Amino acid sequence: MNSPSDLSFTESLKSTQRQHFYEGNRPIAIVMILIVFLAPLVGVMMRGVSGAVWGVVLSVFAYYLTPYVVFKWR
């Protein structure tokens, strides 16, 4: 497994990389669980069905991109 400093974007999208990241970073994993479940609900309350769609899109992007962003910031 590559170290975080030389992790490429495509490697960060692999399920094993995400699994290792979320297992090693429990606070971030908890925040991601909240985002995944609450973003569509907040979207529905604010904009209706279109807000729910944007909430789902936001939560999917956040789930997949968070490991890469955190590794690059560290």
N, C-alpha and C. Protein backbone atom coordinates (compact mmCIF):
# COMPACT_ATOMS: atom_id res chain seq x y z
N MET A 1 0.84 -1.18 0.00
CA MET A 1 0.00 0.00 0.00
C MET A 1 0.88 1.24 0.00
N ASN A 2 0.51 2.23 -0.78
CA ASN A 2 1.28 3.45 -0.89
C ASN A 2 1.14 4.31 0.35
N SER A 3 2.17 5.07 0.62
CA SER A 3 2.06 6.02 1.72
C SER A 3 1.16 7.17 1.28
N PRO A 4 0.56 7.90 2.21
CA PRO A 4 -0.37 8.96 1.85
C PRO A 4 0.26 10.04 0.98
N SER A 5 1.56 10.29 1.12
CA SER A 5 2.17 11.38 0.37
C SER A 5 2.25 11.09 -1.12
N ASP A 6 2.36 9.81 -1.53
CA ASP A 6 2.45 9.51 -2.95
C ASP A 6 1.18 8.83 -3.47
N LEU A 7 0.08 9.02 -2.78
CA LEU A 7 -1.20 8.45 -3.18
C LEU A 7 -1.77 9.27 -4.33
N SER A 8 -2.06 8.61 -5.46
CA SER A 8 -2.65 9.32 -6.59
C SER A 8 -4.16 9.40 -6.41
N PHE A 9 -4.76 10.26 -7.22
CA PHE A 9 -6.20 10.44 -7.14
C PHE A 9 -6.94 9.15 -7.47
N THR A 10 -6.52 8.45 -8.52
CA THR A 10 -7.21 7.22 -8.92
C THR A 10 -7.03 6.13 -7.88
N GLU A 11 -5.87 6.07 -7.23
CA GLU A 11 -5.67 5.09 -6.17
C GLU A 11 -6.55 5.39 -4.97
N SER A 12 -6.78 6.66 -4.70
CA SER A 12 -7.61 7.02 -3.55
C SER A 12 -9.07 6.65 -3.75
N LEU A 13 -9.48 6.40 -4.99
CA LEU A 13 -10.86 6.02 -5.27
C LEU A 13 -11.12 4.53 -5.09
N LYS A 14 -10.08 3.74 -4.90
CA LYS A 14 -10.25 2.31 -4.71
C LYS A 14 -10.87 2.02 -3.35
N SER A 15 -11.71 1.01 -3.31
CA SER A 15 -12.45 0.72 -2.08
C SER A 15 -11.53 0.33 -0.92
N THR A 16 -10.43 -0.37 -1.21
CA THR A 16 -9.52 -0.76 -0.12
C THR A 16 -8.87 0.45 0.51
N GLN A 17 -8.50 1.44 -0.31
CA GLN A 17 -7.90 2.66 0.23
C GLN A 17 -8.91 3.40 1.11
N ARG A 18 -10.15 3.52 0.62
CA ARG A 18 -11.18 4.21 1.42
C ARG A 18 -11.44 3.47 2.72
N GLN A 19 -11.49 2.14 2.65
CA GLN A 19 -11.75 1.36 3.85
C GLN A 19 -10.65 1.57 4.88
N HIS A 20 -9.40 1.52 4.46
CA HIS A 20 -8.29 1.74 5.39
C HIS A 20 -8.33 3.15 5.96
N PHE A 21 -8.66 4.11 5.12
CA PHE A 21 -8.73 5.50 5.59
C PHE A 21 -9.81 5.66 6.65
N TYR A 22 -11.03 5.20 6.37
CA TYR A 22 -12.12 5.39 7.31
C TYR A 22 -11.96 4.56 8.57
N GLU A 23 -11.31 3.40 8.47
CA GLU A 23 -11.04 2.60 9.67
C GLU A 23 -10.00 3.28 10.56
N GLY A 24 -9.06 3.97 9.96
CA GLY A 24 -8.00 4.63 10.73
C GLY A 24 -8.37 6.02 11.21
N ASN A 25 -9.46 6.58 10.69
CA ASN A 25 -9.88 7.94 11.05
C ASN A 25 -11.33 7.93 11.47
N ARG A 26 -11.60 7.40 12.64
CA ARG A 26 -12.98 7.25 13.13
C ARG A 26 -13.75 8.56 13.21
N PRO A 27 -13.15 9.67 13.70
CA PRO A 27 -13.94 10.92 13.76
C PRO A 27 -14.38 11.39 12.37
N ILE A 28 -13.51 11.25 11.38
CA ILE A 28 -13.89 11.64 10.03
C ILE A 28 -14.97 10.70 9.50
N ALA A 29 -14.88 9.43 9.82
CA ALA A 29 -15.89 8.47 9.38
C ALA A 29 -17.26 8.80 9.97
N ILE A 30 -17.29 9.23 11.21
CA ILE A 30 -18.56 9.59 11.84
C ILE A 30 -19.16 10.82 11.17
N VAL A 31 -18.32 11.80 10.88
CA VAL A 31 -18.79 13.00 10.19
C VAL A 31 -19.32 12.64 8.80
N MET A 32 -18.64 11.74 8.11
CA MET A 32 -19.10 11.32 6.78
C MET A 32 -20.43 10.59 6.86
N ILE A 33 -20.65 9.78 7.87
CA ILE A 33 -21.93 9.10 8.04
C ILE A 33 -23.03 10.15 8.21
N LEU A 34 -22.77 11.16 9.01
CA LEU A 34 -23.76 12.22 9.21
C LEU A 34 -24.04 12.97 7.91
N ILE A 35 -23.00 13.28 7.15
CA ILE A 35 -23.18 13.99 5.88
C ILE A 35 -23.98 13.15 4.91
N VAL A 36 -23.65 11.87 4.80
CA VAL A 36 -24.32 10.99 3.85
C VAL A 36 -25.81 10.89 4.16
N PHE A 37 -26.18 10.84 5.43
CA PHE A 37 -27.58 10.69 5.78
C PHE A 37 -28.32 12.03 5.87
N LEU A 38 -27.64 13.07 6.30
CA LEU A 38 -28.34 14.34 6.53
C LEU A 38 -28.40 15.26 5.32
N ALA A 39 -27.43 15.19 4.42
CA ALA A 39 -27.43 16.10 3.27
C ALA A 39 -28.70 15.97 2.42
N PRO A 40 -29.14 14.75 2.07
CA PRO A 40 -30.39 14.66 1.31
C PRO A 40 -31.61 15.17 2.08
N LEU A 41 -31.64 14.93 3.38
CA LEU A 41 -32.77 15.41 4.18
C LEU A 41 -32.80 16.93 4.25
N VAL A 42 -31.66 17.53 4.44
CA VAL A 42 -31.58 18.99 4.47
C VAL A 42 -31.96 19.55 3.10
N GLY A 43 -31.51 18.88 2.05
CA GLY A 43 -31.86 19.30 0.69
C GLY A 43 -33.36 19.28 0.46
N VAL A 44 -34.03 18.24 0.93
CA VAL A 44 -35.49 18.15 0.79
C VAL A 44 -36.16 19.29 1.53
N MET A 45 -35.70 19.57 2.74
CA MET A 45 -36.33 20.64 3.53
C MET A 45 -36.11 22.01 2.89
N MET A 46 -34.97 22.20 2.23
CA MET A 46 -34.66 23.51 1.68
C MET A 46 -35.21 23.71 0.26
N ARG A 47 -35.10 22.69 -0.59
CA ARG A 47 -35.45 22.87 -1.99
C ARG A 47 -36.37 21.81 -2.57
N GLY A 48 -36.82 20.88 -1.77
CA GLY A 48 -37.69 19.83 -2.30
C GLY A 48 -36.90 18.72 -2.95
N VAL A 49 -37.46 18.16 -4.02
CA VAL A 49 -36.84 17.02 -4.68
C VAL A 49 -35.49 17.39 -5.28
N SER A 50 -35.38 18.55 -5.89
CA SER A 50 -34.09 18.95 -6.47
C SER A 50 -33.03 19.10 -5.37
N GLY A 51 -33.41 19.54 -4.22
CA GLY A 51 -32.48 19.63 -3.10
C GLY A 51 -32.04 18.27 -2.62
N ALA A 52 -32.95 17.30 -2.67
CA ALA A 52 -32.59 15.93 -2.29
C ALA A 52 -31.56 15.37 -3.25
N VAL A 53 -31.74 15.64 -4.54
CA VAL A 53 -30.78 15.17 -5.54
C VAL A 53 -29.42 15.80 -5.29
N TRP A 54 -29.38 17.09 -5.06
CA TRP A 54 -28.11 17.76 -4.77
C TRP A 54 -27.49 17.25 -3.47
N GLY A 55 -28.31 16.94 -2.49
CA GLY A 55 -27.80 16.37 -1.25
C GLY A 55 -27.17 15.01 -1.45
N VAL A 56 -27.76 14.19 -2.30
CA VAL A 56 -27.19 12.88 -2.60
C VAL A 56 -25.88 13.04 -3.35
N VAL A 57 -25.86 13.92 -4.33
CA VAL A 57 -24.63 14.17 -5.10
C VAL A 57 -23.52 14.67 -4.18
N LEU A 58 -23.84 15.60 -3.31
CA LEU A 58 -22.86 16.12 -2.36
C LEU A 58 -22.32 15.02 -1.46
N SER A 59 -23.19 14.18 -0.95
CA SER A 59 -22.75 13.13 -0.04
C SER A 59 -21.89 12.09 -0.74
N VAL A 60 -22.20 11.75 -1.98
CA VAL A 60 -21.38 10.80 -2.74
C VAL A 60 -20.00 11.38 -3.02
N PHE A 61 -19.95 12.63 -3.48
CA PHE A 61 -18.66 13.27 -3.72
C PHE A 61 -17.84 13.36 -2.44
N ALA A 62 -18.47 13.74 -1.35
CA ALA A 62 -17.75 13.85 -0.09
C ALA A 62 -17.21 12.51 0.36
N TYR A 63 -17.98 11.46 0.22
CA TYR A 63 -17.54 10.13 0.64
C TYR A 63 -16.33 9.67 -0.15
N TYR A 64 -16.33 9.90 -1.46
CA TYR A 64 -15.23 9.43 -2.29
C TYR A 64 -14.01 10.36 -2.26
N LEU A 65 -14.20 11.65 -2.10
CA LEU A 65 -13.08 12.59 -2.19
C LEU A 65 -12.41 12.91 -0.86
N THR A 66 -13.07 12.67 0.25
CA THR A 66 -12.50 13.00 1.55
C THR A 66 -11.16 12.32 1.81
N PRO A 67 -10.99 11.03 1.55
CA PRO A 67 -9.67 10.42 1.81
C PRO A 67 -8.55 11.09 1.02
N TYR A 68 -8.79 11.40 -0.25
CA TYR A 68 -7.76 12.04 -1.06
C TYR A 68 -7.42 13.43 -0.53
N VAL A 69 -8.42 14.20 -0.21
CA VAL A 69 -8.21 15.57 0.27
C VAL A 69 -7.44 15.55 1.60
N VAL A 70 -7.83 14.69 2.51
CA VAL A 70 -7.17 14.62 3.82
C VAL A 70 -5.72 14.18 3.65
N PHE A 71 -5.46 13.19 2.79
CA PHE A 71 -4.08 12.74 2.57
C PHE A 71 -3.22 13.85 1.98
N LYS A 72 -3.78 14.64 1.08
CA LYS A 72 -3.00 15.72 0.47
C LYS A 72 -2.74 16.88 1.44
N TRP A 73 -3.65 17.11 2.38
CA TRP A 73 -3.46 18.17 3.35
C TRP A 73 -2.44 17.80 4.42
N ARG A 74 -2.26 16.50 4.67
CA ARG A 74 -1.35 16.07 5.73
C ARG A 74 0.06 16.11 5.28
